[in-house]
Every structure is written in C-alpha cells, then in structure tokens.
Protein backbone atom coordinates (compact mmCIF):
# COMPACT_ATOMS: atom_id res chain seq x y z
CA MET A 1 -36.11 14.53 35.81
CA ASP A 2 -35.88 18.37 35.58
CA LYS A 3 -37.08 20.46 32.75
CA ASN A 4 -33.49 20.93 31.30
CA ASN A 5 -32.94 17.21 31.11
CA ILE A 6 -36.31 16.70 29.49
CA LYS A 7 -35.48 19.31 26.84
CA ASN A 8 -32.09 17.75 26.18
CA HIS A 9 -33.57 14.28 25.78
CA LEU A 10 -36.13 15.71 23.44
CA LEU A 11 -33.50 17.48 21.31
CA ILE A 12 -31.34 14.31 21.13
CA GLY A 13 -34.39 12.22 20.17
CA THR A 14 -35.39 14.67 17.44
CA LEU A 15 -31.80 14.77 16.08
CA ILE A 16 -31.69 11.01 16.00
CA VAL A 17 -34.98 10.81 14.09
CA PHE A 18 -33.77 13.51 11.64
CA LEU A 19 -30.50 11.74 10.95
CA GLY A 20 -32.23 8.47 10.53
CA MET A 21 -34.65 10.03 8.01
CA HIS A 22 -31.86 11.77 5.99
CA SER A 23 -28.99 9.28 6.41
CA SER A 24 -29.60 7.87 2.96
CA LEU A 25 -29.29 11.37 1.47
CA LEU A 26 -26.03 11.97 3.41
CA TYR A 27 -24.38 8.91 1.89
CA ALA A 28 -26.24 8.53 -1.48
CA GLU A 29 -23.38 9.69 -3.59
CA LYS A 30 -20.79 7.79 -5.63
CA ARG A 31 -17.24 9.19 -5.51
CA VAL A 32 -14.47 8.18 -7.83
CA VAL A 33 -10.90 9.41 -7.10
CA SER A 34 -8.89 10.82 -9.93
CA GLY A 35 -5.57 9.42 -11.06
CA GLU A 36 -2.62 10.91 -12.85
CA SER A 37 -4.33 10.44 -16.22
CA SER A 38 -7.91 9.46 -15.22
CA ALA A 39 -10.87 11.54 -14.21
CA GLY A 40 -12.35 11.75 -10.70
CA PHE A 41 -16.01 12.70 -10.13
CA SER A 42 -18.95 12.28 -7.93
CA PHE A 43 -22.76 12.11 -8.63
CA ALA A 44 -25.91 11.57 -6.63
CA THR A 45 -27.31 8.10 -6.59
CA GLU A 46 -30.83 8.78 -5.26
CA THR A 47 -33.44 6.89 -7.24
CA ASP A 48 -35.61 10.06 -7.35
CA ALA A 49 -32.79 12.37 -8.57
CA ALA A 50 -34.45 14.90 -10.83
CA GLU A 51 -31.57 15.50 -13.18
CA PRO A 52 -29.75 12.77 -15.08
CA VAL A 53 -26.04 12.21 -15.10
CA ILE A 54 -25.95 11.73 -18.87
CA HIS A 55 -28.46 12.84 -21.52
CA TYR A 56 -27.72 11.88 -25.16
CA GLN A 57 -29.92 13.10 -28.05
CA GLN A 58 -29.83 13.17 -31.82
CA ASN A 59 -31.28 16.21 -33.48
CA ILE A 60 -32.08 15.69 -37.14
CA GLN A 61 -32.08 18.94 -39.05
CA MET A 62 -34.77 17.93 -41.59
CA LEU A 63 -37.09 17.14 -38.67
CA ALA A 64 -36.37 20.28 -36.69
CA ASN A 65 -40.07 21.13 -36.45
CA ILE A 66 -40.90 17.81 -34.81
CA ASP A 67 -40.30 17.89 -31.02
CA ASP A 68 -39.71 14.13 -30.72
CA ARG A 69 -36.09 12.91 -30.99
CA PRO A 70 -34.17 9.74 -30.19
CA SER A 71 -32.55 9.98 -26.81
CA LEU A 72 -30.76 8.15 -24.04
CA THR A 73 -31.00 9.25 -20.35
CA VAL A 74 -28.85 7.77 -17.62
CA TYR A 75 -29.52 8.51 -13.93
CA GLY A 76 -27.04 8.30 -10.99
CA ASP A 77 -28.72 5.10 -9.75
CA GLY A 78 -27.93 3.43 -13.10
CA HIS A 79 -31.48 3.64 -14.40
CA VAL A 80 -31.46 4.05 -18.14
CA LEU A 81 -34.32 5.39 -20.26
CA VAL A 82 -34.22 5.18 -24.10
CA HIS A 83 -36.74 6.92 -26.34
CA TYR A 84 -37.41 6.29 -30.05
CA PRO A 85 -39.74 8.80 -31.73
CA VAL A 86 -42.89 7.79 -33.56
CA TYR A 87 -41.23 8.07 -37.06
CA MET A 88 -38.64 5.37 -36.20
CA LYS A 89 -39.01 1.64 -36.53
CA ARG A 90 -38.47 1.01 -32.76
CA ALA A 91 -40.82 3.78 -31.74
CA GLY A 92 -41.50 3.74 -27.95
CA ASP A 93 -39.88 3.97 -24.58
CA TYR A 94 -37.44 1.41 -23.16
CA GLU A 95 -35.54 1.04 -19.88
CA MET A 96 -32.85 -1.05 -18.22
CA GLN A 97 -30.41 -0.93 -15.32
CA LEU A 98 -26.63 -0.36 -15.36
CA ASP A 99 -24.67 -1.50 -12.39
CA GLU A 100 -22.32 0.93 -10.61
CA THR A 101 -19.19 -0.35 -12.37
CA GLU A 102 -20.85 0.07 -15.83
CA LEU A 103 -21.87 3.64 -15.06
CA VAL A 104 -18.50 4.69 -13.68
CA SER A 105 -16.84 3.05 -16.72
CA LEU A 106 -19.17 4.97 -19.02
CA LEU A 107 -18.35 8.33 -17.43
CA GLN A 108 -14.58 7.58 -17.49
CA SER A 109 -14.91 6.76 -21.25
CA LEU A 110 -16.57 10.08 -21.87
CA SER A 111 -13.72 11.81 -20.07
CA ALA A 112 -10.93 9.75 -21.73
CA ASP A 113 -12.44 10.29 -25.16
CA GLY A 114 -12.51 14.10 -24.50
CA VAL A 115 -16.25 14.56 -24.64
CA ILE A 116 -16.37 16.06 -21.17
CA ASP A 117 -13.57 18.50 -21.94
CA PHE A 118 -14.16 18.96 -25.57
CA ASP A 119 -12.76 22.17 -26.98
CA HIS A 120 -15.38 23.11 -29.51
CA LYS A 121 -13.65 26.32 -30.61
CA LYS A 122 -10.33 24.70 -31.32
CA VAL A 123 -11.67 21.75 -33.11
CA LYS A 124 -13.91 23.91 -35.32
CA GLN A 125 -10.90 26.06 -36.18
CA ASP A 126 -9.00 22.90 -37.18
CA VAL A 127 -11.90 21.76 -39.40
CA ARG A 128 -12.22 25.09 -41.07
CA ALA A 129 -8.48 25.09 -41.84
CA TYR A 130 -8.68 21.63 -43.33
CA LYS A 131 -11.69 22.64 -45.48
CA GLN A 132 -9.81 25.69 -46.75
CA GLN A 133 -7.02 23.29 -47.85
CA LEU A 134 -9.53 21.17 -49.68
CA ARG A 135 -11.02 24.24 -51.47
CA ALA A 136 -7.57 25.31 -52.49
CA LYS A 137 -7.25 21.92 -54.29
CA GLY A 138 -10.64 22.29 -55.84
CA GLN A 139 -12.30 19.80 -53.47
CA PHE A 140 -15.40 20.43 -51.44
CA TYR A 141 -17.40 18.26 -49.11
CA GLU A 142 -20.58 18.96 -47.15
CA VAL A 143 -23.38 16.83 -45.68
CA SER A 144 -26.76 18.33 -46.60
CA ASP A 145 -28.98 16.67 -44.00
CA ALA A 146 -27.20 17.40 -40.71
CA VAL A 147 -27.70 15.31 -37.52
CA GLU A 148 -26.56 17.11 -34.42
CA THR A 149 -25.28 14.93 -31.62
CA SER A 150 -25.92 16.46 -28.15
CA ILE A 151 -24.47 14.99 -24.89
CA ASP A 152 -25.19 16.75 -21.58
CA ILE A 153 -23.31 15.64 -18.49
CA ARG A 154 -24.10 16.73 -14.93
CA LEU A 155 -21.94 15.75 -11.95
CA ASN A 156 -21.74 16.92 -8.39
CA GLU A 157 -17.92 17.26 -8.89
CA TYR A 158 -15.49 16.72 -11.64
CA GLN A 159 -11.70 16.62 -11.75
CA LYS A 160 -10.02 15.90 -15.20
CA ASN A 161 -6.95 14.27 -13.45
CA ALA A 162 -5.16 14.46 -10.16
CA SER A 163 -3.28 17.64 -11.10
CA SER A 164 -6.43 19.47 -12.28
CA ALA A 165 -8.74 21.60 -10.30
CA LYS A 166 -11.93 20.12 -8.87
CA ILE A 167 -15.13 21.69 -10.24
CA LYS A 168 -18.23 21.59 -8.08
CA ASN A 169 -21.74 21.32 -9.63
CA PHE A 170 -20.20 20.44 -12.89
CA LYS A 171 -22.27 20.74 -16.14
CA THR A 172 -21.15 20.51 -19.66
CA SER A 173 -22.63 20.09 -23.11
CA PHE A 174 -21.10 18.43 -26.14
CA LYS A 175 -22.69 19.27 -29.50
CA TRP A 176 -21.39 18.35 -32.92
CA LYS A 177 -23.04 17.95 -36.39
CA ASN A 178 -22.47 14.75 -38.40
CA ILE A 179 -19.94 13.37 -35.88
CA GLU A 180 -19.77 9.95 -37.65
CA GLN A 181 -19.12 11.45 -41.09
CA ASP A 182 -16.55 13.95 -39.68
CA ALA A 183 -14.71 11.12 -37.80
CA SER A 184 -14.29 9.34 -41.12
CA ARG A 185 -13.50 12.51 -43.07
CA TYR A 186 -11.03 14.09 -40.57
CA LYS A 187 -9.09 11.01 -39.51
CA ASN A 188 -6.14 13.20 -38.61
CA ASN A 189 -8.12 14.98 -35.92
CA PRO A 190 -8.01 12.83 -32.82
CA ALA A 191 -10.52 14.94 -30.91
CA ILE A 192 -13.29 14.14 -33.36
CA SER A 193 -12.33 10.47 -33.69
CA LYS A 194 -12.26 9.96 -29.99
CA ALA A 195 -15.52 11.75 -29.36
CA ASN A 196 -17.14 9.52 -31.98
CA ASN A 197 -15.94 6.54 -30.03
CA SER A 198 -18.13 7.69 -27.10
CA VAL A 199 -21.09 8.45 -29.41
CA SER A 200 -20.72 4.96 -30.69
CA GLN A 201 -20.82 3.60 -27.16
CA LEU A 202 -23.92 5.53 -26.40
CA ASN A 203 -25.61 4.37 -29.62
CA ALA A 204 -24.78 0.78 -28.59
CA LEU A 205 -26.54 1.37 -25.28
CA MET A 206 -29.63 2.48 -27.18
CA LYS A 207 -29.69 -1.04 -28.75
CA ASP A 208 -28.75 -3.04 -25.67
CA ASP A 209 -30.37 -6.49 -25.41
CA ARG A 210 -31.32 -5.71 -21.81
CA LEU A 211 -33.72 -2.90 -22.79
CA ILE A 212 -37.37 -3.58 -21.93
CA ASP A 213 -40.28 -1.95 -23.66
CA ARG A 214 -42.11 -0.04 -20.97
CA ALA A 215 -45.39 -0.40 -22.75
CA ARG A 216 -45.25 -4.13 -22.27
CA ARG A 217 -44.32 -4.22 -18.65
C-alpha cells in the first residue's frame, strides 16, 4: 500500500471516529413543523444543554432584596427543576421528567396563549386606557404588593405559523405584574386572560405529583 492510500485510509478512519463521537449532537434536536395556525419550533435535546428551553419565575416586590425566588426550569430533554425559596412552606429543590409530547404541548400552549409573542407595549396601552376610564368614573384599583411573573423562552428556531418568518436562535421574555389579578380585572382583554392561562399551567407544573425532592433522593 503506497503512502497516498495510507493517508486516505487514515483520513477516512478519523472522519468515521469523529462522526461517531458527534452523531448524537448532529441529531439531538427536536423539530416541530408549523401549521396554518400553530407554531413550529426546534430546540436542543442534549441532556447537558446549558440553557433551559423555559424558565419561569415569580418576583415578589416586597422581597426584592432577597435573591431567592420560586422558579420552574424546563430543559430540552424534558428535565424539570422546581425551586421553592426558604421562606415558603415547600422550601427546597424538586425535579421530574416530562416526555417529549408533554414538552411540545407546553411550548405550543405558550405560543397559542400569546406568551411567546406577547405585545407588552400594546397591552399596557390598553390597560392604561381602561384605568383612565375608571378614574373618570371616580373608581381606582391598584395592587400594593406586586408579584412579577417572568417567563424566558429559548429555542433554536421559532415560527409563529406557516406564513410567518422563521427566527433562528430565538429568545423572548414575558414579564407582567399581578397577572392573576389583572386577568380577573381586565376580562375584556384576551391577551392578559390567555397569558394567565399559561401561567396557571406553569404553576400547576410546580405542584405536579411527579416532583421528587432532590434532598431525599
């Protein structure tokens, strides 16, 4: 065997080994095709993915100086982490596993409920207009101890529906104070009501019966 053939065999062998080592990375992605009225998206499913697909957190204004907040973190492999701070009854860290169907359904709900595409500017304008109407009638309503809901979503790609543009390396952040109270107060605002549906779904996950206390494992 001449030197050229030896080099070719070595290159082929190295390529095979490289592809074998990295094949899981090449295919470790979940893709969902968009429909006429449904979102399409993709996300990494590696178990060691650094960034979560969904991060949900509640920031209590009166405890702003305490850097310990209730949160829900969902990774692309379906791994779920729930944290309750020390001042709450269920204080501690919990975990469970969502299957692929559950995770896809959760992301589709966040899209269908408008959380992913929430127009903060427009909705705040609508709320201000409604408050002005109340003041004109001599009515006023405000919640003193605000709780800010924060939902961060990270996807490799996102498409709102089949006729929308695809967005690579998609990141968005939903933030709203007193979402539950506002959903009750502004029932005529579908954006707030629908967003609260997703928040309720995330809150339900934080109380899921499948959660296991990590300290007791």
